[in-house]
Amino acid sequence: MPTSEASGGSFLSRLERLESVDSTQRLVREWLDAGTPEVAVAVAAHQTAGRGRRGRGWTAPPGAALLLSAGFRPSRLGTRHAWRLAATLSLAMLDAAEEAAGLKDDTLWLKWPNDIVADAADGRLVKVAGVLGESVSDGERVESAVVGIGVNTDWPAELFPAELAPSMSSLREVAGGRPVDNDALLDAFLARLEPRYEALRAGTFDAGGWSGRQRTTGRLVEVDLGGKMLGGEGRGVDPESGALILRAGDRLERVDTGEVVRCRIIGGLPNFV
C-alpha cells in the first residue's frame, strides 16, 4: 500500500511512497491531469515498466535504486526553457547524492543532456543516474511537467546486468562499497530541490553550475541524431537553449536536446590541427 505525506505550507503538495508501481512517471502525470497542484512526488522501491529517454527501459532490483517522479506547474517558465527544469533537478540530485553517499565534492558529473555520471578508474564515464523530463505547454509557457529520476544507489556491481555493466555504476560502488540509504538520499534531494526550483520559478537558472559540471566538455563526443551520426570535440553547452556545442573539424555544431537519441563520450581532449 502507498503511504502519503503532505502538509499545508509544505514545498510538496503530495508525496507518496510505493513498494511497487508500473511507472512513477505515468502516475504523476495522471495526478497533474486530475488537477493535483505542484510539487507532487511519487517514489517507488520497484518499477515494473520504468523507462528512460526515447522509451528505453529502466529496471533495477527492488531497493537498489531511488526511483521517483516529480510533477510541476511552472507557469512562468517559457517553453524554450523547459529543458531547464530537468537540468535543475539533475543538479539538486547530484549534490544530494554526493552528500548521501559520503563522496567528495566533484565526484559526480553530468553527461549531456541529463545523465549523472562518475569517472571510472580506467578513465571511462559510468552512469549512476538518468533523468527524463516531459512537459505540456500552451505554446509560450510550460503548463505542467513531470521529471523522472532513477539513481542507482545500494546496488553492488556483481548484480549489474551483464549487458550494462561496462557503462554503469552505483553510489555504493563509487563510495567504495559503503551502503547508501534511499530515504536519506530522498530527503537530501528534496532539501536541495526547493531553493533551486523556487529560483527557477523566479527566473534564475544556475547556468554556471550546470555548465561547469558537464563531462562532455573537452572530450571526444559522438551523438546519434536518429540515423545521422555527429562527432566532434565537446566545447561546452549553451545555457540559453540547452544545446550541446561540438567542434567538428573547422566548424561549430549545436545539438538540441530534443534531437538526440544517444550521446556517447569516446575519448579525452582531441588534438585538432
C-alpha atoms as a PDB file:
ATOM      1  CA  MET A   1       0.000   0.000   0.000  1.00  0.00           C
ATOM      2  CA  PRO A   2       1.264   3.519  -0.757  1.00  0.00           C
ATOM      3  CA  THR A   3       1.979   5.928   2.061  1.00  0.00           C
ATOM      4  CA  SER A   4       1.134   9.594   1.603  1.00  0.00           C
ATOM      5  CA  GLU A   5       2.691  12.664   3.144  1.00  0.00           C
ATOM      6  CA  ALA A   6       1.526  16.249   2.657  1.00  0.00           C
ATOM      7  CA  SER A   7       1.171  19.291   4.825  1.00  0.00           C
ATOM      8  CA  GLY A   8      -0.102  22.806   4.478  1.00  0.00           C
ATOM      9  CA  GLY A   9       2.631  25.258   3.627  1.00  0.00           C
ATOM     10  CA  SER A  10       4.997  22.458   2.629  1.00  0.00           C
ATOM     11  CA  PHE A  11       7.063  22.673  -0.546  1.00  0.00           C
ATOM     12  CA  LEU A  12       5.341  19.449  -1.588  1.00  0.00           C
ATOM     13  CA  SER A  13       1.621  19.187  -2.214  1.00  0.00           C
ATOM     14  CA  ARG A  14       1.802  15.407  -2.358  1.00  0.00           C
ATOM     15  CA  LEU A  15       4.401  12.758  -1.590  1.00  0.00           C
ATOM     16  CA  GLU A  16       3.616   9.066  -1.974  1.00  0.00           C
ATOM     17  CA  ARG A  17       5.977   6.165  -1.314  1.00  0.00           C
ATOM     18  CA  LEU A  18       5.074   2.926  -3.046  1.00  0.00           C
ATOM     19  CA  GLU A  19       6.534  -0.557  -2.817  1.00  0.00           C
ATOM     20  CA  SER A  20       5.889  -1.231  -6.496  1.00  0.00           C
ATOM     21  CA  VAL A  21       4.322   0.575  -9.457  1.00  0.00           C
ATOM     22  CA  ASP A  22       4.498   0.220 -13.201  1.00  0.00           C
ATOM     23  CA  SER A  23       5.828   3.765 -13.675  1.00  0.00           C
ATOM     24  CA  THR A  24       6.108   6.755 -11.345  1.00  0.00           C
ATOM     25  CA  GLN A  25       6.188   8.914 -14.474  1.00  0.00           C
ATOM     26  CA  ARG A  26       2.749   7.697 -15.535  1.00  0.00           C
ATOM     27  CA  LEU A  27       1.342   8.043 -12.029  1.00  0.00           C
ATOM     28  CA  VAL A  28       2.451  11.650 -11.532  1.00  0.00           C
ATOM     29  CA  ARG A  29       1.228  12.637 -15.000  1.00  0.00           C
ATOM     30  CA  GLU A  30      -2.200  11.276 -14.035  1.00  0.00           C
ATOM     31  CA  TRP A  31      -2.105  13.311 -10.819  1.00  0.00           C
ATOM     32  CA  LEU A  32      -1.386  16.518 -12.723  1.00  0.00           C
ATOM     33  CA  ASP A  33      -4.067  15.781 -15.316  1.00  0.00           C
ATOM     34  CA  ALA A  34      -6.535  15.326 -12.438  1.00  0.00           C
ATOM     35  CA  GLY A  35      -5.664  18.762 -11.017  1.00  0.00           C
ATOM     36  CA  THR A  36      -3.103  17.950  -8.312  1.00  0.00           C
ATOM     37  CA  PRO A  37      -1.093  21.114  -7.547  1.00  0.00           C
ATOM     38  CA  GLU A  38       2.686  21.224  -7.621  1.00  0.00           C
ATOM     39  CA  VAL A  39       5.022  19.888  -6.343  1.00  0.00           C
ATOM     40  CA  ALA A  40       3.812  16.261  -6.402  1.00  0.00           C
ATOM     41  CA  VAL A  41       6.303  13.419  -5.925  1.00  0.00           C
ATOM     42  CA  ALA A  42       5.916   9.652  -6.268  1.00  0.00           C
ATOM     43  CA  VAL A  43       8.710   7.370  -5.023  1.00  0.00           C
ATOM     44  CA  ALA A  44       8.845   3.635  -5.695  1.00  0.00           C
ATOM     45  CA  ALA A  45      11.030   0.862  -4.335  1.00  0.00           C
ATOM     46  CA  HIS A  46      10.467  -1.005  -7.602  1.00  0.00           C
ATOM     47  CA  GLN A  47       9.095  -0.211 -11.071  1.00  0.00           C
ATOM     48  CA  THR A  48       7.789  -2.855 -13.435  1.00  0.00           C
ATOM     49  CA  ALA A  49       7.676  -0.643 -16.534  1.00  0.00           C
ATOM     50  CA  GLY A  50      10.103   2.191 -15.824  1.00  0.00           C
ATOM     51  CA  ARG A  51      11.548   3.942 -18.833  1.00  0.00           C
ATOM     52  CA  GLY A  52      14.284   6.308 -19.758  1.00  0.00           C
ATOM     53  CA  ARG A  53      14.925   8.637 -22.664  1.00  0.00           C
ATOM     54  CA  ARG A  54      13.314   7.691 -26.007  1.00  0.00           C
ATOM     55  CA  GLY A  55      11.285   4.953 -24.325  1.00  0.00           C
ATOM     56  CA  ARG A  56      14.289   2.848 -23.318  1.00  0.00           C
ATOM     57  CA  GLY A  57      13.647   0.567 -20.350  1.00  0.00           C
ATOM     58  CA  TRP A  58      14.876   1.348 -16.831  1.00  0.00           C
ATOM     59  CA  THR A  59      14.929  -1.562 -14.414  1.00  0.00           C
ATOM     60  CA  ALA A  60      16.599  -2.163 -11.064  1.00  0.00           C
ATOM     61  CA  PRO A  61      16.265  -4.768  -8.305  1.00  0.00           C
ATOM     62  CA  PRO A  62      13.851  -3.729  -5.527  1.00  0.00           C
ATOM     63  CA  GLY A  63      15.555  -1.299  -3.156  1.00  0.00           C
ATOM     64  CA  ALA A  64      18.716  -0.968  -5.277  1.00  0.00           C
ATOM     65  CA  ALA A  65      17.749   2.399  -6.739  1.00  0.00           C
ATOM     66  CA  LEU A  66      15.909   5.578  -5.808  1.00  0.00           C
ATOM     67  CA  LEU A  67      13.095   5.832  -8.359  1.00  0.00           C
ATOM     68  CA  LEU A  68      10.948   8.939  -8.359  1.00  0.00           C
ATOM     69  CA  SER A  69       8.973  11.349 -10.500  1.00  0.00           C
ATOM     70  CA  ALA A  70       8.112  14.943  -9.598  1.00  0.00           C
ATOM     71  CA  GLY A  71       5.252  16.942 -11.080  1.00  0.00           C
ATOM     72  CA  PHE A  72       5.334  20.712 -11.572  1.00  0.00           C
ATOM     73  CA  ARG A  73       3.196  23.576 -12.818  1.00  0.00           C
ATOM     74  CA  PRO A  74       5.909  26.152 -13.677  1.00  0.00           C
ATOM     75  CA  SER A  75       3.537  28.721 -15.167  1.00  0.00           C
ATOM     76  CA  ARG A  76       6.233  31.363 -15.707  1.00  0.00           C
ATOM     77  CA  LEU A  77       8.720  29.031 -17.371  1.00  0.00           C
ATOM     78  CA  GLY A  78       8.874  29.651 -21.106  1.00  0.00           C
ATOM     79  CA  THR A  79       8.622  26.683 -23.460  1.00  0.00           C
ATOM     80  CA  ARG A  80      12.092  27.426 -24.869  1.00  0.00           C
ATOM     81  CA  HIS A  81      13.486  26.977 -21.357  1.00  0.00           C
ATOM     82  CA  ALA A  82      11.502  23.846 -20.464  1.00  0.00           C
ATOM     83  CA  TRP A  83      14.754  21.846 -20.512  1.00  0.00           C
ATOM     84  CA  ARG A  84      15.979  23.848 -17.519  1.00  0.00           C
ATOM     85  CA  LEU A  85      13.574  22.044 -15.197  1.00  0.00           C
ATOM     86  CA  ALA A  86      15.212  18.644 -15.735  1.00  0.00           C
ATOM     87  CA  ALA A  87      18.629  20.305 -15.530  1.00  0.00           C
ATOM     88  CA  THR A  88      17.682  21.877 -12.190  1.00  0.00           C
ATOM     89  CA  LEU A  89      16.600  18.519 -10.772  1.00  0.00           C
ATOM     90  CA  SER A  90      19.830  16.942 -12.047  1.00  0.00           C
ATOM     91  CA  LEU A  91      21.920  19.479 -10.145  1.00  0.00           C
ATOM     92  CA  ALA A  92      19.869  19.015  -6.976  1.00  0.00           C
ATOM     93  CA  MET A  93      20.216  15.233  -7.181  1.00  0.00           C
ATOM     94  CA  LEU A  94      23.936  15.387  -7.979  1.00  0.00           C
ATOM     95  CA  ASP A  95      24.648  17.433  -4.843  1.00  0.00           C
ATOM     96  CA  ALA A  96      22.345  15.276  -2.728  1.00  0.00           C
ATOM     97  CA  ALA A  97      23.947  12.064  -3.977  1.00  0.00           C
ATOM     98  CA  GLU A  98      27.442  13.244  -3.085  1.00  0.00           C
ATOM     99  CA  GLU A  99      26.247  14.013   0.451  1.00  0.00           C
ATOM    100  CA  ALA A 100      24.177  10.870   0.991  1.00  0.00           C
ATOM    101  CA  ALA A 101      26.973   8.606  -0.284  1.00  0.00           C
ATOM    102  CA  GLY A 102      29.698  10.432   1.649  1.00  0.00           C
ATOM    103  CA  LEU A 103      31.533  11.433  -1.525  1.00  0.00           C
ATOM    104  CA  LYS A 104      33.912  14.322  -2.014  1.00  0.00           C
ATOM    105  CA  ASP A 105      32.664  17.339  -3.955  1.00  0.00           C
ATOM    106  CA  ASP A 106      33.079  16.969  -7.717  1.00  0.00           C
ATOM    107  CA  THR A 107      32.983  13.178  -7.614  1.00  0.00           C
ATOM    108  CA  LEU A 108      29.828  13.145  -9.727  1.00  0.00           C
ATOM    109  CA  TRP A 109      29.294  14.965 -13.012  1.00  0.00           C
ATOM    110  CA  LEU A 110      26.708  15.490 -15.731  1.00  0.00           C
ATOM    111  CA  LYS A 111      26.795  13.911 -19.169  1.00  0.00           C
ATOM    112  CA  TRP A 112      24.684  15.927 -21.551  1.00  0.00           C
ATOM    113  CA  PRO A 113      21.794  16.075 -21.661  1.00  0.00           C
ATOM    114  CA  ASN A 114      20.687  14.563 -18.337  1.00  0.00           C
ATOM    115  CA  ASP A 115      22.768  11.676 -17.017  1.00  0.00           C
ATOM    116  CA  ILE A 116      24.651  11.783 -13.716  1.00  0.00           C
ATOM    117  CA  VAL A 117      27.995  10.032 -14.141  1.00  0.00           C
ATOM    118  CA  ALA A 118      31.250   9.226 -12.367  1.00  0.00           C
ATOM    119  CA  ASP A 119      34.797   8.643 -13.587  1.00  0.00           C
ATOM    120  CA  ALA A 120      35.862   5.001 -13.640  1.00  0.00           C
ATOM    121  CA  ALA A 121      39.412   4.040 -12.702  1.00  0.00           C
ATOM    122  CA  ASP A 122      40.302   3.437 -16.362  1.00  0.00           C
ATOM    123  CA  GLY A 123      39.040   6.855 -17.476  1.00  0.00           C
ATOM    124  CA  ARG A 124      35.632   5.738 -18.730  1.00  0.00           C
ATOM    125  CA  LEU A 125      32.460   7.506 -17.648  1.00  0.00           C
ATOM    126  CA  VAL A 126      29.928   5.278 -15.918  1.00  0.00           C
ATOM    127  CA  LYS A 127      26.274   6.162 -15.470  1.00  0.00           C
ATOM    128  CA  VAL A 128      24.902   6.486 -11.950  1.00  0.00           C
ATOM    129  CA  ALA A 129      21.543   8.150 -12.667  1.00  0.00           C
ATOM    130  CA  GLY A 130      19.242   9.061 -15.529  1.00  0.00           C
ATOM    131  CA  VAL A 131      16.814  11.960 -15.749  1.00  0.00           C
ATOM    132  CA  LEU A 132      13.761  12.164 -18.015  1.00  0.00           C
ATOM    133  CA  GLY A 133      11.746  15.370 -18.418  1.00  0.00           C
ATOM    134  CA  GLU A 134       8.380  15.614 -20.172  1.00  0.00           C
ATOM    135  CA  SER A 135       6.282  18.773 -20.413  1.00  0.00           C
ATOM    136  CA  VAL A 136       2.976  20.099 -21.704  1.00  0.00           C
ATOM    137  CA  SER A 137       2.869  23.691 -22.933  1.00  0.00           C
ATOM    138  CA  ASP A 138       0.403  26.178 -24.359  1.00  0.00           C
ATOM    139  CA  GLY A 139       2.923  27.262 -26.976  1.00  0.00           C
ATOM    140  CA  GLU A 140       4.594  30.024 -24.982  1.00  0.00           C
ATOM    141  CA  ARG A 141       4.640  28.693 -21.419  1.00  0.00           C
ATOM    142  CA  VAL A 142       5.016  25.327 -19.735  1.00  0.00           C
ATOM    143  CA  GLU A 143       1.666  24.332 -18.248  1.00  0.00           C
ATOM    144  CA  SER A 144       2.855  21.193 -16.483  1.00  0.00           C
ATOM    145  CA  ALA A 145       5.886  18.952 -16.413  1.00  0.00           C
ATOM    146  CA  VAL A 146       6.965  15.630 -14.960  1.00  0.00           C
ATOM    147  CA  VAL A 147      10.625  14.870 -14.327  1.00  0.00           C
ATOM    148  CA  GLY A 148      11.619  11.302 -13.539  1.00  0.00           C
ATOM    149  CA  ILE A 149      14.902  10.312 -11.906  1.00  0.00           C
ATOM    150  CA  GLY A 150      16.393   6.880 -11.392  1.00  0.00           C
ATOM    151  CA  VAL A 151      19.531   6.727  -9.226  1.00  0.00           C
ATOM    152  CA  ASN A 152      21.495   3.510  -8.794  1.00  0.00           C
ATOM    153  CA  THR A 153      22.058   3.582  -5.042  1.00  0.00           C
ATOM    154  CA  ASP A 154      22.664   0.433  -2.956  1.00  0.00           C
ATOM    155  CA  TRP A 155      23.356  -1.782  -5.991  1.00  0.00           C
ATOM    156  CA  PRO A 156      26.504  -3.972  -5.834  1.00  0.00           C
ATOM    157  CA  ALA A 157      28.471  -4.389  -9.056  1.00  0.00           C
ATOM    158  CA  GLU A 158      28.142  -8.180  -9.054  1.00  0.00           C
ATOM    159  CA  LEU A 159      24.390  -7.742  -9.592  1.00  0.00           C
ATOM    160  CA  PHE A 160      24.656  -5.325 -12.545  1.00  0.00           C
ATOM    161  CA  PRO A 161      23.040  -6.641 -15.764  1.00  0.00           C
ATOM    162  CA  ALA A 162      25.824  -8.095 -17.916  1.00  0.00           C
ATOM    163  CA  GLU A 163      24.901  -6.018 -20.953  1.00  0.00           C
ATOM    164  CA  LEU A 164      25.011  -2.755 -18.966  1.00  0.00           C
ATOM    165  CA  ALA A 165      27.834  -3.448 -16.507  1.00  0.00           C
ATOM    166  CA  PRO A 166      30.616  -1.796 -18.585  1.00  0.00           C
ATOM    167  CA  SER A 167      28.760   1.522 -18.736  1.00  0.00           C
ATOM    168  CA  MET A 168      27.000   1.750 -15.360  1.00  0.00           C
ATOM    169  CA  SER A 169      27.785   2.132 -11.680  1.00  0.00           C
ATOM    170  CA  SER A 170      26.004   2.902  -8.417  1.00  0.00           C
ATOM    171  CA  LEU A 171      26.559   5.230  -5.484  1.00  0.00           C
ATOM    172  CA  ARG A 172      27.534   2.187  -3.419  1.00  0.00           C
ATOM    173  CA  GLU A 173      30.319   1.307  -5.862  1.00  0.00           C
ATOM    174  CA  VAL A 174      31.520   4.895  -6.291  1.00  0.00           C
ATOM    175  CA  ALA A 175      31.668   5.173  -2.487  1.00  0.00           C
ATOM    176  CA  GLY A 176      33.905   2.106  -2.215  1.00  0.00           C
ATOM    177  CA  GLY A 177      31.207  -0.328  -1.107  1.00  0.00           C
ATOM    178  CA  ARG A 178      29.500   1.812   1.546  1.00  0.00           C
ATOM    179  CA  PRO A 179      25.731   1.206   1.781  1.00  0.00           C
ATOM    180  CA  VAL A 180      23.505   4.092   0.633  1.00  0.00           C
ATOM    181  CA  ASP A 181      20.121   4.782   2.243  1.00  0.00           C
ATOM    182  CA  ASN A 182      17.384   5.722  -0.221  1.00  0.00           C
ATOM    183  CA  ASP A 183      15.390   7.687   2.355  1.00  0.00           C
ATOM    184  CA  ALA A 184      18.427   9.780   3.274  1.00  0.00           C
ATOM    185  CA  LEU A 185      19.067  10.481  -0.415  1.00  0.00           C
ATOM    186  CA  LEU A 186      15.433  11.471  -0.961  1.00  0.00           C
ATOM    187  CA  ASP A 187      15.494  13.877   1.982  1.00  0.00           C
ATOM    188  CA  ALA A 188      18.752  15.442   0.800  1.00  0.00           C
ATOM    189  CA  PHE A 189      17.376  15.791  -2.711  1.00  0.00           C
ATOM    190  CA  LEU A 190      14.130  17.489  -1.667  1.00  0.00           C
ATOM    191  CA  ALA A 191      16.038  19.879   0.608  1.00  0.00           C
ATOM    192  CA  ARG A 192      18.176  20.981  -2.352  1.00  0.00           C
ATOM    193  CA  LEU A 193      15.360  20.975  -4.873  1.00  0.00           C
ATOM    194  CA  GLU A 194      13.199  23.517  -3.062  1.00  0.00           C
ATOM    195  CA  PRO A 195      15.559  26.527  -3.289  1.00  0.00           C
ATOM    196  CA  ARG A 196      16.663  25.606  -6.808  1.00  0.00           C
ATOM    197  CA  TYR A 197      13.088  25.304  -8.051  1.00  0.00           C
ATOM    198  CA  GLU A 198      11.956  28.492  -6.332  1.00  0.00           C
ATOM    199  CA  ALA A 199      14.860  30.293  -8.026  1.00  0.00           C
ATOM    200  CA  LEU A 200      13.859  28.830 -11.399  1.00  0.00           C
ATOM    201  CA  ARG A 201      10.261  29.981 -10.890  1.00  0.00           C
ATOM    202  CA  ALA A 202      11.626  33.459 -10.204  1.00  0.00           C
ATOM    203  CA  GLY A 203      13.572  33.419 -13.471  1.00  0.00           C
ATOM    204  CA  THR A 204      17.023  32.375 -12.200  1.00  0.00           C
ATOM    205  CA  PHE A 205      18.813  29.314 -13.559  1.00  0.00           C
ATOM    206  CA  ASP A 206      22.176  28.059 -12.270  1.00  0.00           C
ATOM    207  CA  ALA A 207      23.831  28.258 -15.676  1.00  0.00           C
ATOM    208  CA  GLY A 208      27.332  28.259 -14.197  1.00  0.00           C
ATOM    209  CA  GLY A 209      26.731  25.169 -12.092  1.00  0.00           C
ATOM    210  CA  TRP A 210      25.102  23.302 -14.972  1.00  0.00           C
ATOM    211  CA  SER A 211      27.790  24.229 -17.481  1.00  0.00           C
ATOM    212  CA  GLY A 212      30.661  23.591 -15.077  1.00  0.00           C
ATOM    213  CA  ARG A 213      29.608  20.017 -14.257  1.00  0.00           C
ATOM    214  CA  GLN A 214      29.460  18.823 -17.883  1.00  0.00           C
ATOM    215  CA  ARG A 215      31.795  15.920 -18.599  1.00  0.00           C
ATOM    216  CA  THR A 216      31.236  16.273 -22.352  1.00  0.00           C
ATOM    217  CA  THR A 217      33.327  19.453 -22.345  1.00  0.00           C
ATOM    218  CA  GLY A 218      36.841  18.747 -23.590  1.00  0.00           C
ATOM    219  CA  ARG A 219      36.020  15.191 -24.663  1.00  0.00           C
ATOM    220  CA  LEU A 220      35.511  13.486 -27.996  1.00  0.00           C
ATOM    221  CA  VAL A 221      31.757  13.009 -28.315  1.00  0.00           C
ATOM    222  CA  GLU A 222      29.579  11.015 -30.698  1.00  0.00           C
ATOM    223  CA  VAL A 223      25.903  11.944 -30.960  1.00  0.00           C
ATOM    224  CA  ASP A 224      23.188   9.826 -32.591  1.00  0.00           C
ATOM    225  CA  LEU A 225      20.549  12.097 -34.112  1.00  0.00           C
ATOM    226  CA  GLY A 226      18.251   9.299 -35.186  1.00  0.00           C
ATOM    227  CA  GLY A 227      20.087   7.936 -38.195  1.00  0.00           C
ATOM    228  CA  LYS A 228      22.638  10.721 -38.540  1.00  0.00           C
ATOM    229  CA  MET A 229      25.830  10.482 -36.509  1.00  0.00           C
ATOM    230  CA  LEU A 230      27.712  13.601 -35.481  1.00  0.00           C
ATOM    231  CA  GLY A 231      31.104  13.537 -33.820  1.00  0.00           C
ATOM    232  CA  GLY A 232      33.460  16.172 -32.525  1.00  0.00           C
ATOM    233  CA  GLU A 233      35.050  17.822 -29.535  1.00  0.00           C
ATOM    234  CA  GLY A 234      32.695  18.951 -26.783  1.00  0.00           C
ATOM    235  CA  ARG A 235      33.068  22.699 -26.477  1.00  0.00           C
ATOM    236  CA  GLY A 236      30.529  23.261 -23.739  1.00  0.00           C
ATOM    237  CA  VAL A 237      26.792  23.789 -23.555  1.00  0.00           C
ATOM    238  CA  ASP A 238      24.562  26.748 -24.347  1.00  0.00           C
ATOM    239  CA  PRO A 239      22.759  27.838 -21.146  1.00  0.00           C
ATOM    240  CA  GLU A 240      20.135  29.656 -23.198  1.00  0.00           C
ATOM    241  CA  SER A 241      18.999  26.809 -25.460  1.00  0.00           C
ATOM    242  CA  GLY A 242      20.433  23.811 -23.598  1.00  0.00           C
ATOM    243  CA  ALA A 243      22.262  22.728 -26.746  1.00  0.00           C
ATOM    244  CA  LEU A 244      25.497  20.766 -26.792  1.00  0.00           C
ATOM    245  CA  ILE A 245      28.257  22.627 -28.640  1.00  0.00           C
ATOM    246  CA  LEU A 246      30.591  20.475 -30.732  1.00  0.00           C
ATOM    247  CA  ARG A 247      33.621  21.363 -32.758  1.00  0.00           C
ATOM    248  CA  ALA A 248      33.502  19.135 -35.827  1.00  0.00           C
ATOM    249  CA  GLY A 249      36.540  19.846 -37.965  1.00  0.00           C
ATOM    250  CA  ASP A 250      36.625  23.585 -38.630  1.00  0.00           C
ATOM    251  CA  ARG A 251      33.011  24.323 -37.687  1.00  0.00           C
ATOM    252  CA  LEU A 252      30.887  24.512 -34.550  1.00  0.00           C
ATOM    253  CA  GLU A 253      27.687  22.477 -34.359  1.00  0.00           C
ATOM    254  CA  ARG A 254      24.851  22.933 -31.866  1.00  0.00           C
ATOM    255  CA  VAL A 255      22.786  19.898 -30.963  1.00  0.00           C
ATOM    256  CA  ASP A 256      19.417  20.477 -29.270  1.00  0.00           C
ATOM    257  CA  THR A 257      18.308  18.126 -26.506  1.00  0.00           C
ATOM    258  CA  GLY A 258      15.165  17.163 -28.419  1.00  0.00           C
ATOM    259  CA  GLU A 259      17.179  15.910 -31.402  1.00  0.00           C
ATOM    260  CA  VAL A 260      19.488  13.459 -29.657  1.00  0.00           C
ATOM    261  CA  VAL A 261      18.847   9.726 -29.398  1.00  0.00           C
ATOM    262  CA  ARG A 262      22.109   8.963 -27.623  1.00  0.00           C
ATOM    263  CA  CYS A 263      25.240  10.883 -26.640  1.00  0.00           C
ATOM    264  CA  ARG A 264      28.440   8.895 -26.134  1.00  0.00           C
ATOM    265  CA  ILE A 265      31.831  10.057 -24.928  1.00  0.00           C
ATOM    266  CA  ILE A 266      34.531   8.232 -26.859  1.00  0.00           C
ATOM    267  CA  GLY A 267      37.744   9.818 -25.637  1.00  0.00           C
ATOM    268  CA  GLY A 268      39.601  12.674 -23.991  1.00  0.00           C
ATOM    269  CA  LEU A 269      40.570  16.010 -25.455  1.00  0.00           C
ATOM    270  CA  PRO A 270      41.487  15.544 -29.140  1.00  0.00           C
ATOM    271  CA  ASN A 271      44.466  17.130 -30.852  1.00  0.00           C
ATOM    272  CA  PHE A 272      42.973  19.228 -33.616  1.00  0.00           C
ATOM    273  CA  VAL A 273      45.298  20.897 -36.109  1.00  0.00           C
END
